[in-house]
Every structure is written in C-alpha cells, then in structure tokens.
C-alpha atoms as a PDB file:
ATOM      1  CA  UNK A   1      -0.047  -0.065   0.023  1.00  0.00           C
ATOM      2  CA  UNK A   2       1.386   3.059  -0.857  1.00  0.00           C
ATOM      3  CA  UNK A   3       2.262   5.647   1.833  1.00  0.00           C
ATOM      4  CA  UNK A   4       2.758   9.427   1.614  1.00  0.00           C
ATOM      5  CA  UNK A   5       3.045  12.316   4.663  1.00  0.00           C
ATOM      6  CA  UNK A   6       1.740   9.137   6.983  1.00  0.00           C
ATOM      7  CA  UNK A   7      -1.099   8.283   5.143  1.00  0.00           C
ATOM      8  CA  UNK A   8      -2.115   5.274   3.262  1.00  0.00           C
ATOM      9  CA  UNK A   9      -3.524   4.663  -0.152  1.00  0.00           C
ATOM     10  CA  UNK A  10      -5.441   1.490  -1.492  1.00  0.00           C
ATOM     11  CA  UNK A  11      -4.345   1.985  -5.263  1.00  0.00           C
ATOM     12  CA  UNK A  12      -6.648   0.397  -8.082  1.00  0.00           C
ATOM     13  CA  UNK A  13      -5.760   0.339 -11.527  1.00  0.00           C
ATOM     14  CA  UNK A  14      -8.983   0.292 -13.068  1.00  0.00           C
ATOM     15  CA  UNK A  15      -7.505   0.339 -16.939  1.00  0.00           C
ATOM     16  CA  UNK A  16      -4.944  -2.294 -17.603  1.00  0.00           C
ATOM     17  CA  UNK A  17      -3.628  -4.189 -20.272  1.00  0.00           C
ATOM     18  CA  UNK A  18      -1.303  -7.331 -20.976  1.00  0.00           C
ATOM     19  CA  UNK A  19      -0.983  -7.063 -24.411  1.00  0.00           C
ATOM     20  CA  UNK A  20       0.654  -8.478 -27.387  1.00  0.00           C
ATOM     21  CA  UNK A  21       1.627  -6.232 -30.617  1.00  0.00           C
ATOM     22  CA  UNK A  22       4.710  -8.086 -31.403  1.00  0.00           C
ATOM     23  CA  UNK A  23       5.304  -8.562 -35.198  1.00  0.00           C
ATOM     24  CA  UNK A  24       4.369 -12.318 -35.071  1.00  0.00           C
ATOM     25  CA  UNK A  25       1.013 -11.586 -34.313  1.00  0.00           C
ATOM     26  CA  UNK A  26       0.351  -8.923 -36.702  1.00  0.00           C
ATOM     27  CA  UNK A  27      -2.484 -10.592 -39.373  1.00  0.00           C
ATOM     28  CA  UNK A  28      -1.269 -11.114 -42.507  1.00  0.00           C
ATOM     29  CA  UNK A  29      -2.631  -8.843 -44.844  1.00  0.00           C
ATOM     30  CA  UNK A  30      -3.354  -6.138 -42.072  1.00  0.00           C
ATOM     31  CA  UNK A  31       0.193  -5.159 -40.925  1.00  0.00           C
ATOM     32  CA  UNK A  32      -0.156  -1.892 -41.503  1.00  0.00           C
ATOM     33  CA  UNK A  33      -3.038  -1.292 -39.078  1.00  0.00           C
ATOM     34  CA  UNK A  34      -1.327  -3.338 -36.316  1.00  0.00           C
ATOM     35  CA  UNK A  35       1.989  -1.674 -36.528  1.00  0.00           C
ATOM     36  CA  UNK A  36      -0.233   1.878 -36.840  1.00  0.00           C
ATOM     37  CA  UNK A  37      -1.946   0.734 -33.745  1.00  0.00           C
ATOM     38  CA  UNK A  38       0.793   0.140 -31.327  1.00  0.00           C
ATOM     39  CA  UNK A  39       2.772   3.199 -32.488  1.00  0.00           C
ATOM     40  CA  UNK A  40      -0.338   5.359 -31.606  1.00  0.00           C
ATOM     41  CA  UNK A  41       0.362   3.995 -27.926  1.00  0.00           C
ATOM     42  CA  UNK A  42       4.064   4.058 -28.259  1.00  0.00           C
ATOM     43  CA  UNK A  43       3.678   7.812 -29.361  1.00  0.00           C
ATOM     44  CA  UNK A  44       1.883   8.185 -26.013  1.00  0.00           C
ATOM     45  CA  UNK A  45       4.605   6.632 -23.879  1.00  0.00           C
ATOM     46  CA  UNK A  46       7.338   9.047 -25.314  1.00  0.00           C
ATOM     47  CA  UNK A  47       5.495  11.884 -23.871  1.00  0.00           C
ATOM     48  CA  UNK A  48       6.574  10.332 -20.185  1.00  0.00           C
ATOM     49  CA  UNK A  49      10.052  11.179 -18.621  1.00  0.00           C
ATOM     50  CA  UNK A  50      13.043   9.706 -20.549  1.00  0.00           C
ATOM     51  CA  UNK A  51      14.004   7.354 -18.109  1.00  0.00           C
ATOM     52  CA  UNK A  52      10.746   5.694 -18.309  1.00  0.00           C
ATOM     53  CA  UNK A  53      10.792   4.962 -21.916  1.00  0.00           C
ATOM     54  CA  UNK A  54      11.023   1.457 -23.264  1.00  0.00           C
ATOM     55  CA  UNK A  55      13.186   0.513 -26.583  1.00  0.00           C
ATOM     56  CA  UNK A  56      10.529  -0.019 -29.371  1.00  0.00           C
ATOM     57  CA  UNK A  57      10.893  -3.769 -29.779  1.00  0.00           C
ATOM     58  CA  UNK A  58      10.166  -4.221 -26.060  1.00  0.00           C
ATOM     59  CA  UNK A  59       7.153  -2.409 -26.010  1.00  0.00           C
ATOM     60  CA  UNK A  60       5.218  -4.394 -28.544  1.00  0.00           C
ATOM     61  CA  UNK A  61       4.789  -7.380 -26.158  1.00  0.00           C
ATOM     62  CA  UNK A  62       4.740  -7.168 -22.496  1.00  0.00           C
ATOM     63  CA  UNK A  63       6.086  -9.763 -20.592  1.00  0.00           C
ATOM     64  CA  UNK A  64       4.810 -11.246 -16.831  1.00  0.00           C
ATOM     65  CA  UNK A  65       8.086  -9.475 -15.183  1.00  0.00           C
ATOM     66  CA  UNK A  66       7.549  -5.926 -17.156  1.00  0.00           C
ATOM     67  CA  UNK A  67       3.847  -5.880 -15.826  1.00  0.00           C
ATOM     68  CA  UNK A  68       4.944  -6.852 -12.267  1.00  0.00           C
ATOM     69  CA  UNK A  69       7.556  -4.487 -12.384  1.00  0.00           C
ATOM     70  CA  UNK A  70       5.826  -1.319 -13.530  1.00  0.00           C
ATOM     71  CA  UNK A  71       2.090  -1.863 -12.032  1.00  0.00           C
ATOM     72  CA  UNK A  72       2.964  -3.550  -8.556  1.00  0.00           C
ATOM     73  CA  UNK A  73       6.687  -2.818  -7.701  1.00  0.00           C
ATOM     74  CA  UNK A  74       7.328   0.640  -9.072  1.00  0.00           C
ATOM     75  CA  UNK A  75       3.437   1.693  -9.923  1.00  0.00           C
ATOM     76  CA  UNK A  76       2.588   1.088  -6.303  1.00  0.00           C
ATOM     77  CA  UNK A  77      -0.713  -0.407  -7.695  1.00  0.00           C
ATOM     78  CA  UNK A  78      -2.481  -2.867  -5.232  1.00  0.00           C
ATOM     79  CA  UNK A  79      -5.331  -4.242  -7.430  1.00  0.00           C
ATOM     80  CA  UNK A  80      -5.919  -4.096 -11.017  1.00  0.00           C
ATOM     81  CA  UNK A  81      -8.767  -4.370 -13.623  1.00  0.00           C
ATOM     82  CA  UNK A  82      -7.863  -5.665 -17.153  1.00  0.00           C
ATOM     83  CA  UNK A  83     -10.051  -4.327 -19.997  1.00  0.00           C
ATOM     84  CA  UNK A  84      -9.806  -6.802 -22.896  1.00  0.00           C
ATOM     85  CA  UNK A  85      -9.234  -5.433 -26.355  1.00  0.00           C
ATOM     86  CA  UNK A  86      -9.360  -7.914 -29.095  1.00  0.00           C
ATOM     87  CA  UNK A  87      -8.743  -6.424 -32.402  1.00  0.00           C
ATOM     88  CA  UNK A  88      -8.632  -9.726 -34.258  1.00  0.00           C
ATOM     89  CA  UNK A  89      -8.876  -8.138 -37.864  1.00  0.00           C
ATOM     90  CA  UNK A  90      -5.313  -7.202 -37.187  1.00  0.00           C
ATOM     91  CA  UNK A  91      -3.918  -9.469 -34.565  1.00  0.00           C
ATOM     92  CA  UNK A  92      -4.113 -13.254 -35.097  1.00  0.00           C
ATOM     93  CA  UNK A  93      -4.244 -13.968 -31.623  1.00  0.00           C
ATOM     94  CA  UNK A  94      -6.077 -10.951 -30.469  1.00  0.00           C
ATOM     95  CA  UNK A  95      -4.197  -7.907 -28.868  1.00  0.00           C
ATOM     96  CA  UNK A  96      -5.409  -8.192 -25.508  1.00  0.00           C
ATOM     97  CA  UNK A  97      -7.717 -10.904 -24.814  1.00  0.00           C
ATOM     98  CA  UNK A  98      -9.207 -12.536 -21.769  1.00  0.00           C
ATOM     99  CA  UNK A  99      -7.272 -15.539 -22.462  1.00  0.00           C
ATOM    100  CA  UNK A 100      -3.992 -13.945 -22.559  1.00  0.00           C
ATOM    101  CA  UNK A 101      -4.709 -11.660 -19.187  1.00  0.00           C
ATOM    102  CA  UNK A 102      -5.845 -14.546 -17.597  1.00  0.00           C
ATOM    103  CA  UNK A 103      -2.798 -15.817 -17.864  1.00  0.00           C
ATOM    104  CA  UNK A 104      -1.562 -13.947 -15.142  1.00  0.00           C
ATOM    105  CA  UNK A 105      -3.909 -14.936 -12.661  1.00  0.00           C
ATOM    106  CA  UNK A 106      -2.067 -17.533 -11.422  1.00  0.00           C
ATOM    107  CA  UNK A 107       0.916 -15.575 -10.418  1.00  0.00           C
ATOM    108  CA  UNK A 108      -0.831 -12.249  -9.528  1.00  0.00           C
ATOM    109  CA  UNK A 109      -4.630 -13.719  -8.727  1.00  0.00           C
ATOM    110  CA  UNK A 110      -5.264 -12.084  -5.551  1.00  0.00           C
ATOM    111  CA  UNK A 111      -4.540  -8.355  -7.006  1.00  0.00           C
ATOM    112  CA  UNK A 112      -6.580  -8.986 -10.763  1.00  0.00           C
ATOM    113  CA  UNK A 113      -9.710  -8.870 -12.193  1.00  0.00           C
ATOM    114  CA  UNK A 114     -10.178  -9.697 -15.885  1.00  0.00           C
ATOM    115  CA  UNK A 115     -13.140  -7.968 -17.500  1.00  0.00           C
ATOM    116  CA  UNK A 116     -14.351  -9.676 -20.927  1.00  0.00           C
ATOM    117  CA  UNK A 117     -16.132  -8.428 -23.703  1.00  0.00           C
ATOM    118  CA  UNK A 118     -18.367  -9.013 -26.314  1.00  0.00           C
ATOM    119  CA  UNK A 119     -19.310  -7.803 -30.081  1.00  0.00           C
ATOM    120  CA  UNK A 120     -22.707  -8.253 -31.221  1.00  0.00           C
ATOM    121  CA  UNK A 121     -21.821  -8.353 -34.622  1.00  0.00           C
ATOM    122  CA  UNK A 122     -20.316 -12.225 -33.907  1.00  0.00           C
ATOM    123  CA  UNK A 123     -24.209 -13.417 -33.796  1.00  0.00           C
ATOM    124  CA  UNK A 124     -24.680 -16.813 -31.986  1.00  0.00           C
ATOM    125  CA  UNK A 125     -20.582 -17.726 -31.778  1.00  0.00           C
ATOM    126  CA  UNK A 126     -20.284 -14.194 -30.042  1.00  0.00           C
ATOM    127  CA  UNK A 127     -23.118 -15.057 -27.211  1.00  0.00           C
ATOM    128  CA  UNK A 128     -21.769 -18.432 -26.645  1.00  0.00           C
ATOM    129  CA  UNK A 129     -18.001 -17.100 -26.183  1.00  0.00           C
ATOM    130  CA  UNK A 130     -19.698 -14.327 -23.440  1.00  0.00           C
ATOM    131  CA  UNK A 131     -21.306 -17.174 -21.692  1.00  0.00           C
ATOM    132  CA  UNK A 132     -17.911 -19.380 -21.953  1.00  0.00           C
ATOM    133  CA  UNK A 133     -16.240 -16.283 -20.355  1.00  0.00           C
ATOM    134  CA  UNK A 134     -18.440 -15.295 -17.700  1.00  0.00           C
ATOM    135  CA  UNK A 135     -18.586 -18.820 -16.302  1.00  0.00           C
ATOM    136  CA  UNK A 136     -14.738 -19.411 -16.545  1.00  0.00           C
ATOM    137  CA  UNK A 137     -13.479 -15.957 -15.359  1.00  0.00           C
ATOM    138  CA  UNK A 138     -16.678 -14.994 -13.289  1.00  0.00           C
ATOM    139  CA  UNK A 139     -16.946 -11.826 -14.934  1.00  0.00           C
ATOM    140  CA  UNK A 140     -18.377  -8.643 -13.491  1.00  0.00           C
ATOM    141  CA  UNK A 141     -17.755  -6.650 -16.192  1.00  0.00           C
ATOM    142  CA  UNK A 142     -17.026  -6.271 -20.011  1.00  0.00           C
ATOM    143  CA  UNK A 143     -14.941  -3.940 -22.278  1.00  0.00           C
ATOM    144  CA  UNK A 144     -16.526  -2.853 -25.651  1.00  0.00           C
ATOM    145  CA  UNK A 145     -14.999  -1.198 -28.557  1.00  0.00           C
ATOM    146  CA  UNK A 146     -17.948   0.096 -30.776  1.00  0.00           C
ATOM    147  CA  UNK A 147     -15.190   1.628 -33.555  1.00  0.00           C
ATOM    148  CA  UNK A 148     -13.675  -2.228 -33.690  1.00  0.00           C
ATOM    149  CA  UNK A 149     -13.633  -3.604 -37.243  1.00  0.00           C
ATOM    150  CA  UNK A 150     -15.247  -6.773 -37.419  1.00  0.00           C
ATOM    151  CA  UNK A 151     -15.128  -8.262 -41.102  1.00  0.00           C
ATOM    152  CA  UNK A 152     -16.471  -5.489 -43.656  1.00  0.00           C
ATOM    153  CA  UNK A 153     -18.001  -3.606 -40.738  1.00  0.00           C
ATOM    154  CA  UNK A 154     -16.340  -0.650 -38.844  1.00  0.00           C
ATOM    155  CA  UNK A 155     -18.369   0.014 -36.000  1.00  0.00           C
ATOM    156  CA  UNK A 156     -21.703  -0.528 -34.275  1.00  0.00           C
ATOM    157  CA  UNK A 157     -23.843   1.437 -31.800  1.00  0.00           C
ATOM    158  CA  UNK A 158     -25.362   0.060 -28.164  1.00  0.00           C
ATOM    159  CA  UNK A 159     -28.374   1.087 -29.547  1.00  0.00           C
ATOM    160  CA  UNK A 160     -28.530  -1.978 -32.123  1.00  0.00           C
ATOM    161  CA  UNK A 161     -30.896  -4.537 -31.496  1.00  0.00           C
ATOM    162  CA  UNK A 162     -28.542  -6.985 -31.471  1.00  0.00           C
ATOM    163  CA  UNK A 163     -26.245  -5.129 -29.349  1.00  0.00           C
ATOM    164  CA  UNK A 164     -29.206  -4.939 -26.657  1.00  0.00           C
ATOM    165  CA  UNK A 165     -29.449  -8.832 -27.404  1.00  0.00           C
ATOM    166  CA  UNK A 166     -26.134  -8.940 -25.712  1.00  0.00           C
ATOM    167  CA  UNK A 167     -26.637  -6.374 -22.935  1.00  0.00           C
ATOM    168  CA  UNK A 168     -29.495  -8.484 -22.025  1.00  0.00           C
ATOM    169  CA  UNK A 169     -27.562 -11.519 -21.648  1.00  0.00           C
ATOM    170  CA  UNK A 170     -24.745  -9.801 -20.080  1.00  0.00           C
ATOM    171  CA  UNK A 171     -27.287  -8.810 -17.117  1.00  0.00           C
ATOM    172  CA  UNK A 172     -28.815 -12.331 -16.928  1.00  0.00           C
ATOM    173  CA  UNK A 173     -24.966 -13.562 -16.382  1.00  0.00           C
ATOM    174  CA  UNK A 174     -24.484 -11.130 -13.888  1.00  0.00           C
ATOM    175  CA  UNK A 175     -22.222  -8.758 -15.500  1.00  0.00           C
ATOM    176  CA  UNK A 176     -22.932  -5.548 -14.046  1.00  0.00           C
ATOM    177  CA  UNK A 177     -20.126  -3.280 -15.555  1.00  0.00           C
ATOM    178  CA  UNK A 178     -20.146  -1.972 -19.134  1.00  0.00           C
ATOM    179  CA  UNK A 179     -16.805  -0.469 -19.934  1.00  0.00           C
ATOM    180  CA  UNK A 180     -17.242   1.629 -23.446  1.00  0.00           C
ATOM    181  CA  UNK A 181     -14.338   3.098 -24.832  1.00  0.00           C
ATOM    182  CA  UNK A 182     -15.422   6.598 -25.819  1.00  0.00           C
ATOM    183  CA  UNK A 183     -12.616   8.963 -26.531  1.00  0.00           C
ATOM    184  CA  UNK A 184      -9.570   9.573 -28.360  1.00  0.00           C
ATOM    185  CA  UNK A 185      -9.596   7.927 -31.840  1.00  0.00           C
ATOM    186  CA  UNK A 186      -6.814   5.840 -32.633  1.00  0.00           C
ATOM    187  CA  UNK A 187      -5.564   5.279 -36.383  1.00  0.00           C
ATOM    188  CA  UNK A 188      -7.041   3.757 -38.208  1.00  0.00           C
ATOM    189  CA  UNK A 189     -10.573   3.190 -36.253  1.00  0.00           C
ATOM    190  CA  UNK A 190     -13.328   5.838 -37.423  1.00  0.00           C
ATOM    191  CA  UNK A 191     -13.960   8.715 -35.093  1.00  0.00           C
ATOM    192  CA  UNK A 192     -17.599   8.694 -35.540  1.00  0.00           C
ATOM    193  CA  UNK A 193     -17.826   5.386 -34.085  1.00  0.00           C
ATOM    194  CA  UNK A 194     -16.786   6.623 -30.796  1.00  0.00           C
ATOM    195  CA  UNK A 195     -19.651   9.359 -30.119  1.00  0.00           C
ATOM    196  CA  UNK A 196     -21.301   8.876 -27.254  1.00  0.00           C
ATOM    197  CA  UNK A 197     -25.078   8.905 -27.995  1.00  0.00           C
ATOM    198  CA  UNK A 198     -25.843   5.224 -28.175  1.00  0.00           C
ATOM    199  CA  UNK A 199     -24.672   5.081 -24.647  1.00  0.00           C
ATOM    200  CA  UNK A 200     -27.157   7.758 -23.579  1.00  0.00           C
ATOM    201  CA  UNK A 201     -29.710   5.091 -25.220  1.00  0.00           C
ATOM    202  CA  UNK A 202     -28.906   1.892 -23.766  1.00  0.00           C
ATOM    203  CA  UNK A 203     -28.301   3.579 -20.181  1.00  0.00           C
ATOM    204  CA  UNK A 204     -31.529   4.812 -20.164  1.00  0.00           C
ATOM    205  CA  UNK A 205     -33.118   1.397 -21.136  1.00  0.00           C
ATOM    206  CA  UNK A 206     -30.894  -0.995 -18.854  1.00  0.00           C
ATOM    207  CA  UNK A 207     -30.814   1.121 -15.539  1.00  0.00           C
ATOM    208  CA  UNK A 208     -29.239  -2.183 -13.741  1.00  0.00           C
ATOM    209  CA  UNK A 209     -26.539  -1.856 -15.947  1.00  0.00           C
ATOM    210  CA  UNK A 210     -23.265   0.200 -14.820  1.00  0.00           C
ATOM    211  CA  UNK A 211     -21.755   2.377 -18.124  1.00  0.00           C
ATOM    212  CA  UNK A 212     -18.630   3.558 -17.661  1.00  0.00           C
ATOM    213  CA  UNK A 213     -17.724   5.894 -20.576  1.00  0.00           C
ATOM    214  CA  UNK A 214     -14.005   5.469 -20.580  1.00  0.00           C
ATOM    215  CA  UNK A 215     -11.661   8.192 -21.619  1.00  0.00           C
ATOM    216  CA  UNK A 216     -14.867  10.514 -20.323  1.00  0.00           C
ATOM    217  CA  UNK A 217     -15.863  10.694 -24.415  1.00  0.00           C
ATOM    218  CA  UNK A 218     -13.062  12.855 -25.346  1.00  0.00           C
ATOM    219  CA  UNK A 219     -12.981  14.825 -27.651  1.00  0.00           C
ATOM    220  CA  UNK A 220     -16.790  14.905 -26.924  1.00  0.00           C
ATOM    221  CA  UNK A 221     -16.670  15.832 -23.193  1.00  0.00           C
ATOM    222  CA  UNK A 222     -19.706  18.118 -23.155  1.00  0.00           C
ATOM    223  CA  UNK A 223     -21.680  15.837 -24.782  1.00  0.00           C
ATOM    224  CA  UNK A 224     -20.703  13.129 -21.794  1.00  0.00           C
ATOM    225  CA  UNK A 225     -20.989  15.518 -19.128  1.00  0.00           C
ATOM    226  CA  UNK A 226     -24.371  16.336 -20.103  1.00  0.00           C
ATOM    227  CA  UNK A 227     -25.370  12.856 -20.467  1.00  0.00           C
ATOM    228  CA  UNK A 228     -23.711  11.457 -17.141  1.00  0.00           C
ATOM    229  CA  UNK A 229     -25.789  13.973 -15.502  1.00  0.00           C
ATOM    230  CA  UNK A 230     -29.054  13.033 -16.553  1.00  0.00           C
ATOM    231  CA  UNK A 231     -28.264   8.976 -16.426  1.00  0.00           C
ATOM    232  CA  UNK A 232     -27.707   7.597 -13.170  1.00  0.00           C
ATOM    233  CA  UNK A 233     -26.174   5.110 -14.031  1.00  0.00           C
ATOM    234  CA  UNK A 234     -23.303   6.433 -16.679  1.00  0.00           C
ATOM    235  CA  UNK A 235     -20.154   7.093 -15.063  1.00  0.00           C
ATOM    236  CA  UNK A 236     -16.711   8.544 -16.255  1.00  0.00           C
ATOM    237  CA  UNK A 237     -13.655   6.581 -16.647  1.00  0.00           C
ATOM    238  CA  UNK A 238     -10.748   8.909 -16.037  1.00  0.00           C
ATOM    239  CA  UNK A 239      -7.573   7.187 -18.193  1.00  0.00           C
ATOM    240  CA  UNK A 240      -6.947   9.235 -20.812  1.00  0.00           C
ATOM    241  CA  UNK A 241      -4.691   6.872 -22.662  1.00  0.00           C
ATOM    242  CA  UNK A 242      -5.153   3.348 -22.351  1.00  0.00           C
ATOM    243  CA  UNK A 243      -1.617   2.425 -22.668  1.00  0.00           C
ATOM    244  CA  UNK A 244       0.744   2.936 -20.071  1.00  0.00           C
END
C-alpha cells in the first residue's frame, strides 16, 4: 500500500492491459493497421520522462515480469482490472484478450480482475463465447470497442438491436459493469464510431447496468457531461490513454 505524509492509499488501476503487438501476431494483410495501432500508444509512451521510455521492440509485447515491475513494484498498484481489447482483424491471436490476461491470474490472482468483452456482430458464436467467458472468469465487467473492425463492418452502436441482445445476456449472466471506449480516436478506427450518444440510449433502457465511459468521451466531453448528469448509471472512466 502506497504511503505519503503518513497516509496510506489503496490504489486500484481500473484500466490495465497485458498486450501482444509483436510482429509475429500481426495478421497477414493487415500489418499496417497492427503497426499503426501500437505506434499510436508508443507515441503516448514517449511523452513520459526519458528514463521511463522502453525500446520499441520491447514495447511491442509485455512480459509478466514487465507487468509486475511497472504495476506492483514501481507503480504502487494494489489491485488492477484488465480491460480486454481483442482487435482480431489486425492481430492473429488478439491484442489483449481475456485469455491472454487470464494467464497472469495464476501468478497475481489475488490482485487482478479480468474483464471480458462482447461484439454483437459475432452473433450466436459471440454469445456462446460471452457465456463461456462469464463462467470461466466469473466476469463482473466487459470492455466494448464500438469502433472495432469486424469483417466489412467498421463499428456498431450500443443502441443496435443486436447490441441490446448482448446487454440483456450480460445482465442475466451477472455482468454489472459495461466499460465502453468512447475517447480519442486511434488510427485507423473511425472517429464517428466513438460518439457517446448510443450510451445515453442504452443506459436509459438498462438501468441495472453501470455504463463506464472510458476516457470520458474525449473529444466529446461536453456531450458526455450532459449525459452523465442525466443518466444515474453512467460513470466516467478517467484514463486519458489506455496504454501505459
């Protein structure tokens, strides 16, 4: 537990990733997108003090030892929540899946929560995956990327009928927290697909679910703030960058 000026602080990192953006994982034919994605986060990384910078090749894939050092030993984190981000159109094995994250449960299980995900465009197969993950990892939350590419589709809305089917299923499975990335656009995702208006719609219809808008809707923060005041089950996820 972190201590400063005689006070003790229990620190929860609510937005953690254990990613694999190694070249071996770049999907054939989509290499430019896989590289562009991780390059964006590496750019954020370079904004930190020089002594914290990682070599680019090292940054492409986080190791368990890297995670332990940066999170628990030097980062003073007591508890971390993984927000799974799949991106299977660009990464053969996924960028940061629930299964990848769960590899660390054996080593740090008493300090980690693994959140899953769903994509309504995956249909019945996606529903089976959600049900299996909920049982396997005792999911209490999911992370959604409404701008994620899926086949010919380059985004969806939480207000879509199929998304409602998955939200109902999540509710029935005991998944309470719906983390939705609505923030800075990361190339090559589409800016419009991160609009926050669909959260407003879904939050009204699923008042037993918590909708955590990650990155507070930037650059649409005014829209988010008005919505969050109106909807009692909409909350702000404060990370401004999800890699770091």
